[in-house]
Amino acid sequence: MMMSHCNTELTELQVFKTVLYHCVIIIALPVISFFTSKIFFFDGILGLNNVPSNVYSAGVAVIVLHIALGAFIYRAYFDDRSRTSVKRD
């Protein structure tokens, strides 16, 4: 009985770490990609004005956000299915 309790806590901790990791990625990557693309690419290399640079950088951030959300959904969907199939065996 004690072993079952430990396994439950371990899997809950693993799930928490996975969700926390993806939350940080979903929050941090779009912000980092916005400023990185704005400063180095759109302002630096292309030399765009402030408004177009902000708009294009926001577009990059939205694309990165969708990729991060897609990765989270993919991981949640397929990780959950593999665990349920293991439990049935």
PDB file of N, CA and C in Angstrom:
ATOM      1  N   MET A   1       0.823  -1.193   0.000  1.00  0.00           N
ATOM      2  CA  MET A   1       0.000   0.000   0.000  1.00  0.00           C
ATOM      3  C   MET A   1       0.865   1.254   0.000  1.00  0.00           C
ATOM      4  N   MET A   2       1.957   1.203   0.714  1.00  0.00           N
ATOM      5  CA  MET A   2       2.855   2.362   0.772  1.00  0.00           C
ATOM      6  C   MET A   2       3.493   2.620  -0.591  1.00  0.00           C
ATOM      7  N   MET A   3       3.803   1.570  -1.325  1.00  0.00           N
ATOM      8  CA  MET A   3       4.410   1.717  -2.639  1.00  0.00           C
ATOM      9  C   MET A   3       3.456   2.412  -3.608  1.00  0.00           C
ATOM     10  N   SER A   4       2.182   2.097  -3.543  1.00  0.00           N
ATOM     11  CA  SER A   4       1.189   2.720  -4.413  1.00  0.00           C
ATOM     12  C   SER A   4       1.094   4.217  -4.131  1.00  0.00           C
ATOM     13  N   HIS A   5       1.159   4.587  -2.869  1.00  0.00           N
ATOM     14  CA  HIS A   5       1.101   5.996  -2.484  1.00  0.00           C
ATOM     15  C   HIS A   5       2.327   6.739  -3.022  1.00  0.00           C
ATOM     16  N   CYS A   6       3.493   6.124  -2.959  1.00  0.00           N
ATOM     17  CA  CYS A   6       4.727   6.734  -3.479  1.00  0.00           C
ATOM     18  C   CYS A   6       4.650   6.901  -4.994  1.00  0.00           C
ATOM     19  N   ASN A   7       4.151   5.896  -5.689  1.00  0.00           N
ATOM     20  CA  ASN A   7       4.032   5.987  -7.145  1.00  0.00           C
ATOM     21  C   ASN A   7       3.064   7.084  -7.552  1.00  0.00           C
ATOM     22  N   THR A   8       1.962   7.236  -6.808  1.00  0.00           N
ATOM     23  CA  THR A   8       0.993   8.287  -7.111  1.00  0.00           C
ATOM     24  C   THR A   8       1.615   9.656  -6.922  1.00  0.00           C
ATOM     25  N   GLU A   9       2.347   9.837  -5.809  1.00  0.00           N
ATOM     26  CA  GLU A   9       3.001  11.121  -5.568  1.00  0.00           C
ATOM     27  C   GLU A   9       4.064  11.398  -6.621  1.00  0.00           C
ATOM     28  N   LEU A  10       4.790  10.380  -7.031  1.00  0.00           N
ATOM     29  CA  LEU A  10       5.824  10.554  -8.038  1.00  0.00           C
ATOM     30  C   LEU A  10       5.222  10.966  -9.373  1.00  0.00           C
ATOM     31  N   THR A  11       4.144  10.330  -9.780  1.00  0.00           N
ATOM     32  CA  THR A  11       3.540  10.708 -11.050  1.00  0.00           C
ATOM     33  C   THR A  11       2.912  12.098 -10.961  1.00  0.00           C
ATOM     34  N   GLU A  12       2.329  12.457  -9.816  1.00  0.00           N
ATOM     35  CA  GLU A  12       1.781  13.806  -9.650  1.00  0.00           C
ATOM     36  C   GLU A  12       2.887  14.846  -9.705  1.00  0.00           C
ATOM     37  N   LEU A  13       4.037  14.533  -9.130  1.00  0.00           N
ATOM     38  CA  LEU A  13       5.179  15.443  -9.179  1.00  0.00           C
ATOM     39  C   LEU A  13       5.691  15.573 -10.619  1.00  0.00           C
ATOM     40  N   GLN A  14       5.739  14.478 -11.341  1.00  0.00           N
ATOM     41  CA  GLN A  14       6.166  14.526 -12.738  1.00  0.00           C
ATOM     42  C   GLN A  14       5.208  15.355 -13.583  1.00  0.00           C
ATOM     43  N   VAL A  15       3.916  15.192 -13.357  1.00  0.00           N
ATOM     44  CA  VAL A  15       2.919  15.975 -14.089  1.00  0.00           C
ATOM     45  C   VAL A  15       3.059  17.447 -13.759  1.00  0.00           C
ATOM     46  N   PHE A  16       3.245  17.763 -12.478  1.00  0.00           N
ATOM     47  CA  PHE A  16       3.418  19.159 -12.064  1.00  0.00           C
ATOM     48  C   PHE A  16       4.645  19.779 -12.715  1.00  0.00           C
ATOM     49  N   LYS A  17       5.755  19.044 -12.720  1.00  0.00           N
ATOM     50  CA  LYS A  17       6.978  19.561 -13.340  1.00  0.00           C
ATOM     51  C   LYS A  17       6.785  19.786 -14.843  1.00  0.00           C
ATOM     52  N   THR A  18       6.091  18.870 -15.502  1.00  0.00           N
ATOM     53  CA  THR A  18       5.845  19.005 -16.935  1.00  0.00           C
ATOM     54  C   THR A  18       4.974  20.223 -17.229  1.00  0.00           C
ATOM     55  N   VAL A  19       3.906  20.388 -16.466  1.00  0.00           N
ATOM     56  CA  VAL A  19       3.013  21.527 -16.674  1.00  0.00           C
ATOM     57  C   VAL A  19       3.733  22.833 -16.353  1.00  0.00           C
ATOM     58  N   LEU A  20       4.495  22.864 -15.285  1.00  0.00           N
ATOM     59  CA  LEU A  20       5.247  24.066 -14.925  1.00  0.00           C
ATOM     60  C   LEU A  20       6.258  24.418 -16.009  1.00  0.00           C
ATOM     61  N   TYR A  21       6.942  23.424 -16.539  1.00  0.00           N
ATOM     62  CA  TYR A  21       7.903  23.647 -17.617  1.00  0.00           C
ATOM     63  C   TYR A  21       7.221  24.263 -18.832  1.00  0.00           C
ATOM     64  N   HIS A  22       6.092  23.697 -19.231  1.00  0.00           N
ATOM     65  CA  HIS A  22       5.388  24.216 -20.403  1.00  0.00           C
ATOM     66  C   HIS A  22       4.805  25.604 -20.142  1.00  0.00           C
ATOM     67  N   CYS A  23       4.365  25.871 -18.923  1.00  0.00           N
ATOM     68  CA  CYS A  23       3.864  27.217 -18.597  1.00  0.00           C
ATOM     69  C   CYS A  23       4.965  28.259 -18.729  1.00  0.00           C
ATOM     70  N   VAL A  24       6.141  27.939 -18.239  1.00  0.00           N
ATOM     71  CA  VAL A  24       7.267  28.868 -18.360  1.00  0.00           C
ATOM     72  C   VAL A  24       7.619  29.076 -19.830  1.00  0.00           C
ATOM     73  N   ILE A  25       7.628  28.001 -20.595  1.00  0.00           N
ATOM     74  CA  ILE A  25       7.921  28.105 -22.034  1.00  0.00           C
ATOM     75  C   ILE A  25       6.866  28.947 -22.743  1.00  0.00           C
ATOM     76  N   ILE A  26       5.599  28.717 -22.418  1.00  0.00           N
ATOM     77  CA  ILE A  26       4.510  29.451 -23.069  1.00  0.00           C
ATOM     78  C   ILE A  26       4.558  30.937 -22.727  1.00  0.00           C
ATOM     79  N   ILE A  27       5.015  31.279 -21.528  1.00  0.00           N
ATOM     80  CA  ILE A  27       5.101  32.689 -21.137  1.00  0.00           C
ATOM     81  C   ILE A  27       6.395  33.327 -21.634  1.00  0.00           C
ATOM     82  N   ALA A  28       7.511  32.631 -21.480  1.00  0.00           N
ATOM     83  CA  ALA A  28       8.819  33.251 -21.738  1.00  0.00           C
ATOM     84  C   ALA A  28       9.195  33.304 -23.220  1.00  0.00           C
ATOM     85  N   LEU A  29       8.959  32.242 -23.961  1.00  0.00           N
ATOM     86  CA  LEU A  29       9.417  32.210 -25.350  1.00  0.00           C
ATOM     87  C   LEU A  29       8.819  33.303 -26.236  1.00  0.00           C
ATOM     88  N   PRO A  30       7.515  33.574 -26.161  1.00  0.00           N
ATOM     89  CA  PRO A  30       6.991  34.668 -26.997  1.00  0.00           C
ATOM     90  C   PRO A  30       7.590  36.032 -26.639  1.00  0.00           C
ATOM     91  N   VAL A  31       7.797  36.286 -25.351  1.00  0.00           N
ATOM     92  CA  VAL A  31       8.388  37.563 -24.930  1.00  0.00           C
ATOM     93  C   VAL A  31       9.824  37.672 -25.427  1.00  0.00           C
ATOM     94  N   ILE A  32      10.588  36.610 -25.242  1.00  0.00           N
ATOM     95  CA  ILE A  32      11.981  36.596 -25.698  1.00  0.00           C
ATOM     96  C   ILE A  32      12.052  36.727 -27.221  1.00  0.00           C
ATOM     97  N   SER A  33      11.178  35.998 -27.921  1.00  0.00           N
ATOM     98  CA  SER A  33      11.209  36.069 -29.388  1.00  0.00           C
ATOM     99  C   SER A  33      10.787  37.446 -29.891  1.00  0.00           C
ATOM    100  N   PHE A  34       9.851  38.102 -29.198  1.00  0.00           N
ATOM    101  CA  PHE A  34       9.441  39.445 -29.600  1.00  0.00           C
ATOM    102  C   PHE A  34      10.629  40.402 -29.549  1.00  0.00           C
ATOM    103  N   PHE A  35      11.275  40.483 -28.396  1.00  0.00           N
ATOM    104  CA  PHE A  35      12.358  41.443 -28.241  1.00  0.00           C
ATOM    105  C   PHE A  35      13.596  41.074 -29.051  1.00  0.00           C
ATOM    106  N   THR A  36      13.875  39.789 -29.155  1.00  0.00           N
ATOM    107  CA  THR A  36      15.030  39.355 -29.940  1.00  0.00           C
ATOM    108  C   THR A  36      14.839  39.682 -31.416  1.00  0.00           C
ATOM    109  N   SER A  37      13.671  39.344 -31.961  1.00  0.00           N
ATOM    110  CA  SER A  37      13.447  39.625 -33.376  1.00  0.00           C
ATOM    111  C   SER A  37      13.359  41.125 -33.641  1.00  0.00           C
ATOM    112  N   LYS A  38      12.795  41.879 -32.706  1.00  0.00           N
ATOM    113  CA  LYS A  38      12.681  43.322 -32.881  1.00  0.00           C
ATOM    114  C   LYS A  38      14.052  43.982 -32.872  1.00  0.00           C
ATOM    115  N   ILE A  39      14.838  43.709 -31.850  1.00  0.00           N
ATOM    116  CA  ILE A  39      16.121  44.398 -31.680  1.00  0.00           C
ATOM    117  C   ILE A  39      17.131  43.963 -32.728  1.00  0.00           C
ATOM    118  N   PHE A  40      17.288  42.656 -32.900  1.00  0.00           N
ATOM    119  CA  PHE A  40      18.366  42.174 -33.760  1.00  0.00           C
ATOM    120  C   PHE A  40      17.983  42.096 -35.239  1.00  0.00           C
ATOM    121  N   PHE A  41      16.750  41.670 -35.521  1.00  0.00           N
ATOM    122  CA  PHE A  41      16.400  41.439 -36.922  1.00  0.00           C
ATOM    123  C   PHE A  41      15.703  42.640 -37.559  1.00  0.00           C
ATOM    124  N   PHE A  42      14.558  43.029 -37.003  1.00  0.00           N
ATOM    125  CA  PHE A  42      13.765  44.068 -37.661  1.00  0.00           C
ATOM    126  C   PHE A  42      14.368  45.462 -37.496  1.00  0.00           C
ATOM    127  N   ASP A  43      14.873  45.799 -36.297  1.00  0.00           N
ATOM    128  CA  ASP A  43      15.513  47.101 -36.110  1.00  0.00           C
ATOM    129  C   ASP A  43      16.957  47.082 -36.619  1.00  0.00           C
ATOM    130  N   GLY A  44      17.688  46.023 -36.280  1.00  0.00           N
ATOM    131  CA  GLY A  44      19.107  45.971 -36.596  1.00  0.00           C
ATOM    132  C   GLY A  44      19.405  45.679 -38.049  1.00  0.00           C
ATOM    133  N   ILE A  45      19.028  44.507 -38.512  1.00  0.00           N
ATOM    134  CA  ILE A  45      19.392  44.075 -39.866  1.00  0.00           C
ATOM    135  C   ILE A  45      18.552  44.787 -40.926  1.00  0.00           C
ATOM    136  N   LEU A  46      17.229  44.804 -40.731  1.00  0.00           N
ATOM    137  CA  LEU A  46      16.359  45.396 -41.745  1.00  0.00           C
ATOM    138  C   LEU A  46      16.199  46.910 -41.601  1.00  0.00           C
ATOM    139  N   GLY A  47      16.454  47.459 -40.416  1.00  0.00           N
ATOM    140  CA  GLY A  47      16.369  48.899 -40.194  1.00  0.00           C
ATOM    141  C   GLY A  47      14.973  49.471 -40.359  1.00  0.00           C
ATOM    142  N   LEU A  48      13.968  48.748 -39.933  1.00  0.00           N
ATOM    143  CA  LEU A  48      12.587  49.214 -40.051  1.00  0.00           C
ATOM    144  C   LEU A  48      12.279  50.298 -39.016  1.00  0.00           C
ATOM    145  N   ASN A  49      11.222  51.062 -39.297  1.00  0.00           N
ATOM    146  CA  ASN A  49      10.731  52.044 -38.329  1.00  0.00           C
ATOM    147  C   ASN A  49      10.125  51.324 -37.130  1.00  0.00           C
ATOM    148  N   ASN A  50       9.761  52.090 -36.126  1.00  0.00           N
ATOM    149  CA  ASN A  50       9.293  51.526 -34.859  1.00  0.00           C
ATOM    150  C   ASN A  50       7.989  50.730 -35.009  1.00  0.00           C
ATOM    151  N   VAL A  51       6.994  51.291 -35.680  1.00  0.00           N
ATOM    152  CA  VAL A  51       5.685  50.628 -35.770  1.00  0.00           C
ATOM    153  C   VAL A  51       5.741  49.336 -36.589  1.00  0.00           C
ATOM    154  N   PRO A  52       6.275  49.343 -37.795  1.00  0.00           N
ATOM    155  CA  PRO A  52       6.355  48.058 -38.526  1.00  0.00           C
ATOM    156  C   PRO A  52       7.207  47.015 -37.794  1.00  0.00           C
ATOM    157  N   SER A  53       8.257  47.472 -37.151  1.00  0.00           N
ATOM    158  CA  SER A  53       9.100  46.556 -36.397  1.00  0.00           C
ATOM    159  C   SER A  53       8.318  45.896 -35.262  1.00  0.00           C
ATOM    160  N   ASN A  54       7.499  46.680 -34.564  1.00  0.00           N
ATOM    161  CA  ASN A  54       6.674  46.124 -33.488  1.00  0.00           C
ATOM    162  C   ASN A  54       5.631  45.145 -34.023  1.00  0.00           C
ATOM    163  N   VAL A  55       5.022  45.481 -35.143  1.00  0.00           N
ATOM    164  CA  VAL A  55       3.983  44.623 -35.713  1.00  0.00           C
ATOM    165  C   VAL A  55       4.578  43.285 -36.154  1.00  0.00           C
ATOM    166  N   TYR A  56       5.684  43.319 -36.860  1.00  0.00           N
ATOM    167  CA  TYR A  56       6.309  42.072 -37.312  1.00  0.00           C
ATOM    168  C   TYR A  56       6.829  41.242 -36.140  1.00  0.00           C
ATOM    169  N   SER A  57       7.371  41.921 -35.135  1.00  0.00           N
ATOM    170  CA  SER A  57       7.855  41.208 -33.953  1.00  0.00           C
ATOM    171  C   SER A  57       6.697  40.563 -33.201  1.00  0.00           C
ATOM    172  N   ALA A  58       5.562  41.244 -33.140  1.00  0.00           N
ATOM    173  CA  ALA A  58       4.383  40.655 -32.505  1.00  0.00           C
ATOM    174  C   ALA A  58       3.920  39.433 -33.287  1.00  0.00           C
ATOM    175  N   GLY A  59       4.005  39.498 -34.604  1.00  0.00           N
ATOM    176  CA  GLY A  59       3.661  38.338 -35.420  1.00  0.00           C
ATOM    177  C   GLY A  59       4.560  37.150 -35.128  1.00  0.00           C
ATOM    178  N   VAL A  60       5.844  37.414 -34.983  1.00  0.00           N
ATOM    179  CA  VAL A  60       6.792  36.343 -34.625  1.00  0.00           C
ATOM    180  C   VAL A  60       6.433  35.760 -33.262  1.00  0.00           C
ATOM    181  N   ALA A  61       6.103  36.619 -32.301  1.00  0.00           N
ATOM    182  CA  ALA A  61       5.747  36.157 -30.960  1.00  0.00           C
ATOM    183  C   ALA A  61       4.475  35.309 -30.981  1.00  0.00           C
ATOM    184  N   VAL A  62       3.506  35.683 -31.801  1.00  0.00           N
ATOM    185  CA  VAL A  62       2.265  34.907 -31.908  1.00  0.00           C
ATOM    186  C   VAL A  62       2.542  33.534 -32.508  1.00  0.00           C
ATOM    187  N   ILE A  63       3.392  33.478 -33.509  1.00  0.00           N
ATOM    188  CA  ILE A  63       3.748  32.192 -34.118  1.00  0.00           C
ATOM    189  C   ILE A  63       4.467  31.300 -33.107  1.00  0.00           C
ATOM    190  N   VAL A  64       5.401  31.871 -32.356  1.00  0.00           N
ATOM    191  CA  VAL A  64       6.124  31.103 -31.333  1.00  0.00           C
ATOM    192  C   VAL A  64       5.159  30.624 -30.248  1.00  0.00           C
ATOM    193  N   LEU A  65       4.215  31.474 -29.863  1.00  0.00           N
ATOM    194  CA  LEU A  65       3.218  31.085 -28.863  1.00  0.00           C
ATOM    195  C   LEU A  65       2.385  29.905 -29.357  1.00  0.00           C
ATOM    196  N   HIS A  66       1.973  29.933 -30.612  1.00  0.00           N
ATOM    197  CA  HIS A  66       1.180  28.828 -31.142  1.00  0.00           C
ATOM    198  C   HIS A  66       1.985  27.537 -31.205  1.00  0.00           C
ATOM    199  N   ILE A  67       3.246  27.630 -31.521  1.00  0.00           N
ATOM    200  CA  ILE A  67       4.100  26.432 -31.532  1.00  0.00           C
ATOM    201  C   ILE A  67       4.239  25.873 -30.122  1.00  0.00           C
ATOM    202  N   ALA A  68       4.441  26.744 -29.137  1.00  0.00           N
ATOM    203  CA  ALA A  68       4.574  26.292 -27.745  1.00  0.00           C
ATOM    204  C   ALA A  68       3.269  25.670 -27.240  1.00  0.00           C
ATOM    205  N   LEU A  69       2.144  26.298 -27.565  1.00  0.00           N
ATOM    206  CA  LEU A  69       0.852  25.725 -27.165  1.00  0.00           C
ATOM    207  C   LEU A  69       0.601  24.388 -27.858  1.00  0.00           C
ATOM    208  N   GLY A  70       0.956  24.299 -29.125  1.00  0.00           N
ATOM    209  CA  GLY A  70       0.804  23.040 -29.841  1.00  0.00           C
ATOM    210  C   GLY A  70       1.655  21.937 -29.244  1.00  0.00           C
ATOM    211  N   ALA A  71       2.870  22.276 -28.844  1.00  0.00           N
ATOM    212  CA  ALA A  71       3.746  21.282 -28.211  1.00  0.00           C
ATOM    213  C   ALA A  71       3.165  20.815 -26.881  1.00  0.00           C
ATOM    214  N   PHE A  72       2.593  21.745 -26.118  1.00  0.00           N
ATOM    215  CA  PHE A  72       1.976  21.377 -24.845  1.00  0.00           C
ATOM    216  C   PHE A  72       0.769  20.466 -25.068  1.00  0.00           C
ATOM    217  N   ILE A  73      -0.075  20.814 -26.014  1.00  0.00           N
ATOM    218  CA  ILE A  73      -1.260  20.001 -26.295  1.00  0.00           C
ATOM    219  C   ILE A  73      -0.859  18.625 -26.818  1.00  0.00           C
ATOM    220  N   TYR A  74       0.115  18.584 -27.695  1.00  0.00           N
ATOM    221  CA  TYR A  74       0.616  17.306 -28.225  1.00  0.00           C
ATOM    222  C   TYR A  74       1.139  16.430 -27.093  1.00  0.00           C
ATOM    223  N   ARG A  75       1.945  17.033 -26.229  1.00  0.00           N
ATOM    224  CA  ARG A  75       2.531  16.271 -25.119  1.00  0.00           C
ATOM    225  C   ARG A  75       1.454  15.793 -24.158  1.00  0.00           C
ATOM    226  N   ALA A  76       0.504  16.653 -23.848  1.00  0.00           N
ATOM    227  CA  ALA A  76      -0.562  16.271 -22.919  1.00  0.00           C
ATOM    228  C   ALA A  76      -1.431  15.167 -23.507  1.00  0.00           C
ATOM    229  N   TYR A  77      -1.730  15.246 -24.782  1.00  0.00           N
ATOM    230  CA  TYR A  77      -2.596  14.257 -25.414  1.00  0.00           C
ATOM    231  C   TYR A  77      -1.911  12.900 -25.528  1.00  0.00           C
ATOM    232  N   PHE A  78      -0.699  12.889 -26.043  1.00  0.00           N
ATOM    233  CA  PHE A  78      -0.042  11.609 -26.277  1.00  0.00           C
ATOM    234  C   PHE A  78       0.591  11.031 -25.025  1.00  0.00           C
ATOM    235  N   ASP A  79       1.003  11.853 -24.088  1.00  0.00           N
ATOM    236  CA  ASP A  79       1.518  11.347 -22.817  1.00  0.00           C
ATOM    237  C   ASP A  79       0.397  10.682 -22.032  1.00  0.00           C
ATOM    238  N   ASP A  80      -0.772  11.292 -22.032  1.00  0.00           N
ATOM    239  CA  ASP A  80      -1.915  10.749 -21.312  1.00  0.00           C
ATOM    240  C   ASP A  80      -2.359   9.420 -21.911  1.00  0.00           C
ATOM    241  N   ARG A  81      -2.356   9.329 -23.220  1.00  0.00           N
ATOM    242  CA  ARG A  81      -2.780   8.084 -23.876  1.00  0.00           C
ATOM    243  C   ARG A  81      -1.803   6.951 -23.590  1.00  0.00           C
ATOM    244  N   SER A  82      -0.490   7.258 -23.557  1.00  0.00           N
ATOM    245  CA  SER A  82       0.491   6.195 -23.309  1.00  0.00           C
ATOM    246  C   SER A  82       0.391   5.708 -21.865  1.00  0.00           C
ATOM    247  N   ARG A  83       0.081   6.587 -20.926  1.00  0.00           N
ATOM    248  CA  ARG A  83      -0.050   6.175 -19.535  1.00  0.00           C
ATOM    249  C   ARG A  83      -1.312   5.338 -19.324  1.00  0.00           C
ATOM    250  N   THR A  84      -2.397   5.699 -19.975  1.00  0.00           N
ATOM    251  CA  THR A  84      -3.620   4.918 -19.808  1.00  0.00           C
ATOM    252  C   THR A  84      -3.478   3.545 -20.441  1.00  0.00           C
ATOM    253  N   SER A  85      -2.735   3.441 -21.548  1.00  0.00           N
ATOM    254  CA  SER A  85      -2.533   2.131 -22.159  1.00  0.00           C
ATOM    255  C   SER A  85      -1.631   1.259 -21.305  1.00  0.00           C
ATOM    256  N   VAL A  86      -0.688   1.872 -20.605  1.00  0.00           N
ATOM    257  CA  VAL A  86       0.182   1.108 -19.707  1.00  0.00           C
ATOM    258  C   VAL A  86      -0.611   0.620 -18.520  1.00  0.00           C
ATOM    259  N   LYS A  87      -1.524   1.446 -17.991  1.00  0.00           N
ATOM    260  CA  LYS A  87      -2.322   1.043 -16.842  1.00  0.00           C
ATOM    261  C   LYS A  87      -3.264  -0.097 -17.180  1.00  0.00           C
ATOM    262  N   ARG A  88      -3.750  -0.164 -18.416  1.00  0.00           N
ATOM    263  CA  ARG A  88      -4.671  -1.230 -18.803  1.00  0.00           C
ATOM    264  C   ARG A  88      -3.966  -2.572 -18.929  1.00  0.00           C
ATOM    265  N   ASP A  89      -2.681  -2.562 -19.236  1.00  0.00           N
ATOM    266  CA  ASP A  89      -1.948  -3.821 -19.440  1.00  0.00           C
ATOM    267  C   ASP A  89      -1.696  -4.569 -18.187  1.00  0.00           C
TER     268      ASP A  89
END
